[in-house]
């Protein structure tokens, strides 16, 4: 699950956005020891590992992208959702891609970086979808951001 499925340079060229099955990470090219920010995307994957592997979902390749100003990162997920991440402020937003408007119109604080998990959505029920009943047929692999 640690294979990188997508990688993008930021518009300024200083940062790299990487996506694997479970995380979206922001790296500084001048500091390669650890990422600057990490967003855990698929929390449910560890508890559903057998199901994911048996149905080849573990091999799904989600893309990631930057906003034009490099302030935001976006990636797709299941259930037609996108995660929008303001990585400098450590805030996130969940967007329903099947609707024309945002479900959640404001950014929510992420967990304290000193806590064990960096999942910005795990402690906020408003920003998590029902991981027990994930429809793996509804996938948003590709994403692109217009200027905000």
N, C-alpha and C. Protein backbone atom coordinates (compact mmCIF):
# COMPACT_ATOMS: atom_id res chain seq x y z
N UNK A 1 0.82 -1.19 0.00
CA UNK A 1 0.00 0.00 0.00
C UNK A 1 0.86 1.26 0.00
N UNK A 2 2.15 1.11 -0.01
CA UNK A 2 3.00 2.29 0.03
C UNK A 2 3.50 2.71 -1.35
N UNK A 3 3.05 2.04 -2.40
CA UNK A 3 3.45 2.44 -3.75
C UNK A 3 2.86 3.79 -4.10
N UNK A 4 3.67 4.66 -4.65
CA UNK A 4 3.20 5.99 -5.04
C UNK A 4 2.43 5.87 -6.35
N UNK A 5 1.21 6.41 -6.37
CA UNK A 5 0.39 6.35 -7.57
C UNK A 5 0.44 7.64 -8.37
N UNK A 6 0.85 8.75 -7.73
CA UNK A 6 0.94 10.02 -8.44
C UNK A 6 1.87 10.95 -7.69
N UNK A 7 2.47 11.85 -8.45
CA UNK A 7 3.38 12.83 -7.86
C UNK A 7 3.31 14.10 -8.70
N UNK A 8 3.30 15.25 -8.03
CA UNK A 8 3.23 16.53 -8.74
C UNK A 8 4.13 17.55 -8.04
N UNK A 9 4.84 18.34 -8.84
CA UNK A 9 5.58 19.48 -8.30
C UNK A 9 4.61 20.63 -8.09
N UNK A 10 4.86 21.42 -7.06
CA UNK A 10 4.04 22.61 -6.80
C UNK A 10 4.33 23.65 -7.88
N UNK A 11 3.44 24.62 -8.06
CA UNK A 11 3.67 25.65 -9.07
C UNK A 11 5.00 26.40 -8.89
N UNK A 12 5.45 26.57 -7.64
CA UNK A 12 6.72 27.27 -7.40
C UNK A 12 7.92 26.34 -7.55
N UNK A 13 7.69 25.03 -7.60
CA UNK A 13 8.76 24.06 -7.77
C UNK A 13 9.47 23.65 -6.49
N UNK A 14 9.10 24.21 -5.36
CA UNK A 14 9.77 23.89 -4.11
C UNK A 14 9.19 22.67 -3.41
N UNK A 15 7.94 22.34 -3.66
CA UNK A 15 7.27 21.26 -2.94
C UNK A 15 6.86 20.15 -3.90
N UNK A 16 6.74 18.96 -3.35
CA UNK A 16 6.26 17.80 -4.10
C UNK A 16 5.04 17.25 -3.38
N UNK A 17 4.02 16.95 -4.14
CA UNK A 17 2.80 16.32 -3.63
C UNK A 17 2.83 14.87 -4.08
N UNK A 18 2.74 13.94 -3.14
CA UNK A 18 2.74 12.52 -3.51
C UNK A 18 1.49 11.85 -2.97
N UNK A 19 1.00 10.88 -3.73
CA UNK A 19 -0.22 10.16 -3.35
C UNK A 19 0.04 8.67 -3.43
N UNK A 20 -0.25 7.96 -2.36
CA UNK A 20 -0.32 6.51 -2.42
C UNK A 20 -1.73 6.11 -2.04
N UNK A 21 -1.99 4.85 -1.82
CA UNK A 21 -3.37 4.42 -1.59
C UNK A 21 -3.96 5.03 -0.32
N UNK A 22 -3.16 5.20 0.71
CA UNK A 22 -3.69 5.63 2.00
C UNK A 22 -3.40 7.08 2.37
N UNK A 23 -2.44 7.73 1.73
CA UNK A 23 -2.07 9.08 2.15
C UNK A 23 -1.80 10.03 0.99
N UNK A 24 -1.88 11.30 1.32
CA UNK A 24 -1.46 12.40 0.46
C UNK A 24 -0.41 13.15 1.27
N UNK A 25 0.79 13.33 0.70
CA UNK A 25 1.89 13.95 1.46
C UNK A 25 2.45 15.14 0.70
N UNK A 26 2.85 16.16 1.46
CA UNK A 26 3.53 17.33 0.92
C UNK A 26 4.97 17.28 1.41
N UNK A 27 5.91 17.34 0.46
CA UNK A 27 7.34 17.28 0.76
C UNK A 27 8.01 18.58 0.34
N UNK A 28 9.02 19.00 1.08
CA UNK A 28 9.89 20.10 0.69
C UNK A 28 11.10 19.47 0.00
N UNK A 29 11.43 19.90 -1.21
CA UNK A 29 12.53 19.28 -1.94
C UNK A 29 13.87 19.50 -1.24
N UNK A 30 13.93 20.48 -0.35
CA UNK A 30 15.17 20.75 0.39
C UNK A 30 15.22 20.02 1.73
N UNK A 31 14.14 19.31 2.07
CA UNK A 31 14.09 18.57 3.34
C UNK A 31 13.46 17.21 3.06
N UNK A 32 14.26 16.26 2.69
CA UNK A 32 13.72 14.97 2.26
C UNK A 32 13.57 13.94 3.37
N UNK A 33 13.87 14.30 4.62
CA UNK A 33 13.81 13.32 5.70
C UNK A 33 12.39 12.96 6.10
N UNK A 34 11.45 13.91 6.02
CA UNK A 34 10.06 13.63 6.37
C UNK A 34 9.16 14.63 5.66
N UNK A 35 7.89 14.26 5.45
CA UNK A 35 6.97 15.19 4.78
C UNK A 35 6.60 16.36 5.69
N UNK A 36 6.26 17.47 5.06
CA UNK A 36 5.79 18.64 5.81
C UNK A 36 4.38 18.43 6.33
N UNK A 37 3.57 17.72 5.56
CA UNK A 37 2.17 17.49 5.93
C UNK A 37 1.72 16.14 5.37
N UNK A 38 0.86 15.47 6.11
CA UNK A 38 0.32 14.18 5.69
C UNK A 38 -1.18 14.16 5.93
N UNK A 39 -1.91 13.75 4.92
CA UNK A 39 -3.35 13.57 5.02
C UNK A 39 -3.66 12.09 4.82
N UNK A 40 -4.20 11.43 5.84
CA UNK A 40 -4.60 10.03 5.71
C UNK A 40 -5.96 10.01 5.02
N UNK A 41 -6.03 9.34 3.90
CA UNK A 41 -7.23 9.39 3.07
C UNK A 41 -8.15 8.19 3.31
N UNK A 42 -7.62 7.01 3.29
CA UNK A 42 -8.45 5.80 3.41
C UNK A 42 -8.17 5.11 4.74
N UNK A 43 -8.76 5.60 5.82
CA UNK A 43 -8.59 4.99 7.14
C UNK A 43 -9.07 3.56 7.19
N UNK A 44 -10.12 3.28 6.47
CA UNK A 44 -10.75 1.97 6.53
C UNK A 44 -9.91 0.88 5.89
N UNK A 45 -8.88 1.24 5.15
CA UNK A 45 -8.14 0.25 4.35
C UNK A 45 -7.51 -0.85 5.20
N UNK A 46 -7.07 -0.56 6.40
CA UNK A 46 -6.43 -1.59 7.21
C UNK A 46 -7.43 -2.63 7.70
N UNK A 47 -8.63 -2.21 8.03
CA UNK A 47 -9.63 -3.16 8.51
C UNK A 47 -10.27 -3.94 7.35
N UNK A 48 -10.16 -3.43 6.14
CA UNK A 48 -10.77 -4.09 4.98
C UNK A 48 -9.72 -4.60 4.00
N UNK A 49 -8.52 -4.84 4.47
CA UNK A 49 -7.42 -5.20 3.60
C UNK A 49 -7.72 -6.44 2.75
N UNK A 50 -8.29 -7.47 3.34
CA UNK A 50 -8.60 -8.70 2.59
C UNK A 50 -9.58 -8.42 1.46
N UNK A 51 -10.65 -7.70 1.78
CA UNK A 51 -11.66 -7.36 0.76
C UNK A 51 -11.06 -6.51 -0.35
N UNK A 52 -10.24 -5.54 0.02
CA UNK A 52 -9.62 -4.66 -0.97
C UNK A 52 -8.71 -5.45 -1.91
N UNK A 53 -7.94 -6.36 -1.34
CA UNK A 53 -7.01 -7.15 -2.15
C UNK A 53 -7.75 -8.15 -3.04
N UNK A 54 -8.73 -8.85 -2.48
CA UNK A 54 -9.47 -9.86 -3.25
C UNK A 54 -10.19 -9.26 -4.45
N UNK A 55 -10.61 -8.01 -4.34
CA UNK A 55 -11.34 -7.35 -5.42
C UNK A 55 -10.47 -6.38 -6.22
N UNK A 56 -9.17 -6.43 -6.01
CA UNK A 56 -8.19 -5.59 -6.72
C UNK A 56 -8.35 -4.10 -6.47
N UNK A 57 -9.11 -3.70 -5.47
CA UNK A 57 -9.25 -2.27 -5.17
C UNK A 57 -7.96 -1.69 -4.60
N UNK A 58 -7.16 -2.53 -3.99
CA UNK A 58 -5.90 -2.08 -3.40
C UNK A 58 -4.97 -1.52 -4.48
N UNK A 59 -5.26 -1.86 -5.74
CA UNK A 59 -4.43 -1.39 -6.85
C UNK A 59 -4.99 -0.13 -7.52
N UNK A 60 -6.06 0.42 -6.98
CA UNK A 60 -6.61 1.67 -7.53
C UNK A 60 -5.57 2.78 -7.40
N UNK A 61 -5.44 3.57 -8.46
CA UNK A 61 -4.43 4.63 -8.51
C UNK A 61 -5.11 5.99 -8.54
N UNK A 62 -5.12 6.66 -7.41
CA UNK A 62 -5.72 7.99 -7.30
C UNK A 62 -4.67 9.05 -7.59
N UNK A 63 -5.07 10.06 -8.35
CA UNK A 63 -4.18 11.16 -8.66
C UNK A 63 -4.31 12.27 -7.63
N UNK A 64 -3.39 13.20 -7.69
CA UNK A 64 -3.43 14.37 -6.82
C UNK A 64 -3.08 15.59 -7.66
N UNK A 65 -3.35 16.76 -7.12
CA UNK A 65 -3.03 17.98 -7.85
C UNK A 65 -2.94 19.15 -6.90
N UNK A 66 -2.32 20.22 -7.38
CA UNK A 66 -2.17 21.47 -6.65
C UNK A 66 -3.15 22.50 -7.18
N UNK A 67 -3.48 23.46 -6.34
CA UNK A 67 -4.17 24.65 -6.83
C UNK A 67 -3.13 25.51 -7.55
N UNK A 68 -3.57 26.46 -8.34
CA UNK A 68 -2.65 27.30 -9.10
C UNK A 68 -1.67 28.06 -8.25
N UNK A 69 -2.05 28.41 -7.02
CA UNK A 69 -1.16 29.15 -6.13
C UNK A 69 -0.36 28.24 -5.20
N UNK A 70 -0.59 26.93 -5.27
CA UNK A 70 0.13 25.98 -4.42
C UNK A 70 -0.33 25.94 -2.98
N UNK A 71 -1.39 26.65 -2.67
CA UNK A 71 -1.89 26.71 -1.29
C UNK A 71 -2.70 25.47 -0.92
N UNK A 72 -3.35 24.87 -1.89
CA UNK A 72 -4.23 23.73 -1.65
C UNK A 72 -3.76 22.51 -2.43
N UNK A 73 -4.04 21.34 -1.87
CA UNK A 73 -3.82 20.08 -2.55
C UNK A 73 -5.16 19.36 -2.60
N UNK A 74 -5.36 18.58 -3.64
CA UNK A 74 -6.62 17.85 -3.80
C UNK A 74 -6.32 16.43 -4.27
N UNK A 75 -7.16 15.51 -3.83
CA UNK A 75 -7.07 14.13 -4.30
C UNK A 75 -8.45 13.50 -4.28
N UNK A 76 -8.63 12.49 -5.08
CA UNK A 76 -9.90 11.79 -5.15
C UNK A 76 -9.97 10.63 -4.17
N UNK A 77 -11.18 10.08 -4.05
CA UNK A 77 -11.40 8.96 -3.15
C UNK A 77 -12.61 8.17 -3.66
N UNK A 78 -13.12 7.29 -2.84
CA UNK A 78 -14.31 6.53 -3.16
C UNK A 78 -15.56 7.33 -2.82
N UNK A 79 -16.72 6.79 -3.21
CA UNK A 79 -18.02 7.41 -2.94
C UNK A 79 -18.15 8.78 -3.61
N UNK A 80 -17.38 9.02 -4.67
CA UNK A 80 -17.39 10.30 -5.41
C UNK A 80 -16.90 11.48 -4.57
N UNK A 81 -16.06 11.23 -3.59
CA UNK A 81 -15.54 12.31 -2.75
C UNK A 81 -14.15 12.75 -3.18
N UNK A 82 -13.89 14.02 -2.90
CA UNK A 82 -12.56 14.60 -3.04
C UNK A 82 -12.15 15.17 -1.69
N UNK A 83 -10.88 15.10 -1.39
CA UNK A 83 -10.33 15.75 -0.20
C UNK A 83 -9.55 16.97 -0.65
N UNK A 84 -9.91 18.12 -0.11
CA UNK A 84 -9.21 19.37 -0.37
C UNK A 84 -8.46 19.73 0.90
N UNK A 85 -7.18 19.99 0.77
CA UNK A 85 -6.30 20.13 1.93
C UNK A 85 -5.54 21.45 1.85
N UNK A 86 -5.75 22.33 2.84
CA UNK A 86 -4.95 23.54 3.00
C UNK A 86 -3.78 23.13 3.90
N UNK A 87 -2.72 22.67 3.29
CA UNK A 87 -1.65 22.01 4.03
C UNK A 87 -0.85 22.96 4.91
N UNK A 88 -0.77 24.23 4.58
CA UNK A 88 -0.02 25.17 5.41
C UNK A 88 -0.77 25.50 6.70
N UNK A 89 -2.10 25.50 6.63
CA UNK A 89 -2.92 25.78 7.82
C UNK A 89 -3.40 24.51 8.50
N UNK A 90 -3.09 23.37 7.91
CA UNK A 90 -3.49 22.07 8.44
C UNK A 90 -5.01 21.97 8.60
N UNK A 91 -5.71 22.35 7.54
CA UNK A 91 -7.17 22.28 7.51
C UNK A 91 -7.60 21.52 6.27
N UNK A 92 -8.79 20.90 6.36
CA UNK A 92 -9.27 20.12 5.24
C UNK A 92 -10.75 20.28 4.99
N UNK A 93 -11.16 19.84 3.81
CA UNK A 93 -12.56 19.91 3.40
C UNK A 93 -12.86 18.66 2.58
N UNK A 94 -14.04 18.11 2.77
CA UNK A 94 -14.50 16.98 1.99
C UNK A 94 -15.54 17.48 1.01
N UNK A 95 -15.38 17.14 -0.27
CA UNK A 95 -16.27 17.63 -1.32
C UNK A 95 -16.91 16.44 -2.01
N UNK A 96 -18.22 16.50 -2.19
CA UNK A 96 -18.96 15.46 -2.90
C UNK A 96 -18.89 15.77 -4.39
N UNK A 97 -18.17 14.96 -5.13
CA UNK A 97 -17.99 15.19 -6.56
C UNK A 97 -19.22 14.89 -7.40
N UNK A 98 -20.23 14.26 -6.81
CA UNK A 98 -21.45 13.96 -7.57
C UNK A 98 -22.42 15.13 -7.54
N UNK A 99 -22.10 16.16 -6.77
CA UNK A 99 -22.96 17.34 -6.68
C UNK A 99 -22.21 18.54 -7.23
N UNK A 100 -22.96 19.55 -7.62
CA UNK A 100 -22.31 20.73 -8.18
C UNK A 100 -21.87 21.71 -7.11
N UNK A 101 -22.32 21.53 -5.89
CA UNK A 101 -21.92 22.42 -4.81
C UNK A 101 -21.19 21.63 -3.74
N UNK A 102 -20.47 22.33 -2.91
CA UNK A 102 -19.74 21.69 -1.82
C UNK A 102 -20.71 21.27 -0.73
N UNK A 103 -20.51 20.09 -0.18
CA UNK A 103 -21.31 19.66 0.96
C UNK A 103 -20.88 20.45 2.19
N UNK A 104 -19.60 20.57 2.38
CA UNK A 104 -19.05 21.24 3.55
C UNK A 104 -18.40 22.52 3.07
N UNK A 105 -18.92 23.65 3.49
CA UNK A 105 -18.50 24.91 2.92
C UNK A 105 -17.37 25.58 3.68
N UNK A 106 -16.86 24.95 4.72
CA UNK A 106 -15.74 25.56 5.42
C UNK A 106 -14.68 24.51 5.73
N UNK A 107 -13.49 25.01 5.94
CA UNK A 107 -12.39 24.12 6.29
C UNK A 107 -12.48 23.77 7.77
N UNK A 108 -12.08 22.56 8.10
CA UNK A 108 -12.08 22.09 9.48
C UNK A 108 -10.66 21.88 9.94
N UNK A 109 -10.42 22.16 11.22
CA UNK A 109 -9.09 21.97 11.79
C UNK A 109 -8.71 20.50 11.70
N UNK A 110 -7.45 20.28 11.47
CA UNK A 110 -6.93 18.92 11.46
C UNK A 110 -6.51 18.56 12.87
N UNK A 111 -6.13 17.32 13.06
CA UNK A 111 -5.65 16.91 14.37
C UNK A 111 -4.33 17.60 14.68
N UNK A 112 -4.02 17.66 15.95
CA UNK A 112 -2.73 18.18 16.38
C UNK A 112 -1.63 17.31 15.79
N UNK A 113 -0.63 17.91 15.12
CA UNK A 113 0.43 17.10 14.51
C UNK A 113 1.21 16.26 15.52
N UNK A 114 1.12 16.58 16.80
CA UNK A 114 1.83 15.81 17.81
C UNK A 114 1.09 14.55 18.21
N UNK A 115 -0.17 14.41 17.77
CA UNK A 115 -0.93 13.21 18.09
C UNK A 115 -0.45 12.06 17.21
N UNK A 116 -0.85 10.85 17.55
CA UNK A 116 -0.39 9.67 16.82
C UNK A 116 -0.81 9.67 15.37
N UNK A 117 -2.01 10.12 15.09
CA UNK A 117 -2.53 10.08 13.72
C UNK A 117 -2.57 11.48 13.14
N UNK A 118 -2.26 11.59 11.87
CA UNK A 118 -2.37 12.87 11.17
C UNK A 118 -3.63 12.92 10.32
N UNK A 119 -4.57 12.03 10.57
CA UNK A 119 -5.78 12.01 9.76
C UNK A 119 -6.65 13.19 10.11
N UNK A 120 -6.85 14.09 9.17
CA UNK A 120 -7.57 15.31 9.47
C UNK A 120 -9.07 15.11 9.56
N UNK A 121 -9.56 13.94 9.18
CA UNK A 121 -11.00 13.73 9.18
C UNK A 121 -11.47 12.74 10.23
N UNK A 122 -10.59 12.07 10.93
CA UNK A 122 -11.03 10.96 11.78
C UNK A 122 -11.80 11.40 13.02
N UNK A 123 -11.58 12.60 13.52
CA UNK A 123 -12.27 13.02 14.73
C UNK A 123 -13.44 13.94 14.45
N UNK A 124 -13.83 14.06 13.21
CA UNK A 124 -14.91 14.98 12.87
C UNK A 124 -15.91 14.25 11.99
N UNK A 125 -17.02 13.83 12.57
CA UNK A 125 -17.99 13.03 11.84
C UNK A 125 -18.53 13.73 10.60
N UNK A 126 -18.54 15.05 10.59
CA UNK A 126 -19.03 15.78 9.43
C UNK A 126 -18.14 15.57 8.21
N UNK A 127 -16.89 15.21 8.44
CA UNK A 127 -15.95 15.08 7.34
C UNK A 127 -15.57 13.65 7.04
N UNK A 128 -16.37 12.71 7.45
CA UNK A 128 -16.07 11.33 7.11
C UNK A 128 -17.32 10.69 6.52
N UNK A 129 -17.10 9.87 5.53
CA UNK A 129 -18.23 9.15 4.98
C UNK A 129 -18.28 7.76 5.60
N UNK A 130 -19.35 7.06 5.39
CA UNK A 130 -19.59 5.77 6.04
C UNK A 130 -18.61 4.73 5.51
N UNK A 131 -17.52 4.53 6.23
CA UNK A 131 -16.48 3.63 5.76
C UNK A 131 -16.88 2.15 5.87
N UNK A 132 -17.97 1.85 6.58
CA UNK A 132 -18.44 0.47 6.65
C UNK A 132 -19.19 0.06 5.39
N UNK A 133 -19.71 1.02 4.66
CA UNK A 133 -20.49 0.74 3.46
C UNK A 133 -19.95 1.49 2.25
N UNK A 134 -18.67 1.42 2.02
CA UNK A 134 -18.05 2.13 0.91
C UNK A 134 -18.44 1.48 -0.40
N UNK A 135 -18.91 2.29 -1.34
CA UNK A 135 -19.19 1.81 -2.69
C UNK A 135 -17.91 2.00 -3.51
N UNK A 136 -17.17 0.93 -3.68
CA UNK A 136 -15.88 1.01 -4.37
C UNK A 136 -16.02 1.22 -5.87
N UNK A 137 -17.25 1.17 -6.39
CA UNK A 137 -17.44 1.43 -7.82
C UNK A 137 -17.48 2.92 -8.13
N UNK A 138 -17.70 3.75 -7.12
CA UNK A 138 -17.73 5.20 -7.31
C UNK A 138 -16.36 5.76 -6.94
N UNK A 139 -15.54 5.99 -7.96
CA UNK A 139 -14.15 6.39 -7.74
C UNK A 139 -13.85 7.69 -8.46
N UNK A 140 -13.12 8.55 -7.80
CA UNK A 140 -12.62 9.77 -8.42
C UNK A 140 -11.11 9.65 -8.52
N UNK A 141 -10.64 9.09 -9.63
CA UNK A 141 -9.21 8.89 -9.82
C UNK A 141 -8.49 10.19 -10.18
N UNK A 142 -9.11 10.98 -11.06
CA UNK A 142 -8.46 12.18 -11.56
C UNK A 142 -9.03 13.42 -10.89
N UNK A 143 -8.19 14.43 -10.76
CA UNK A 143 -8.65 15.68 -10.16
C UNK A 143 -7.84 16.85 -10.74
N UNK A 144 -8.49 17.97 -10.79
CA UNK A 144 -7.88 19.20 -11.29
C UNK A 144 -8.51 20.35 -10.55
N UNK A 145 -7.75 21.38 -10.27
CA UNK A 145 -8.29 22.53 -9.54
C UNK A 145 -8.25 23.78 -10.40
N UNK A 146 -9.37 24.46 -10.45
CA UNK A 146 -9.41 25.79 -11.05
C UNK A 146 -8.98 26.78 -9.98
N UNK A 147 -8.59 27.97 -10.36
CA UNK A 147 -8.20 28.95 -9.33
C UNK A 147 -9.32 29.20 -8.33
N UNK A 148 -8.94 29.28 -7.07
CA UNK A 148 -9.92 29.52 -6.00
C UNK A 148 -10.01 30.99 -5.72
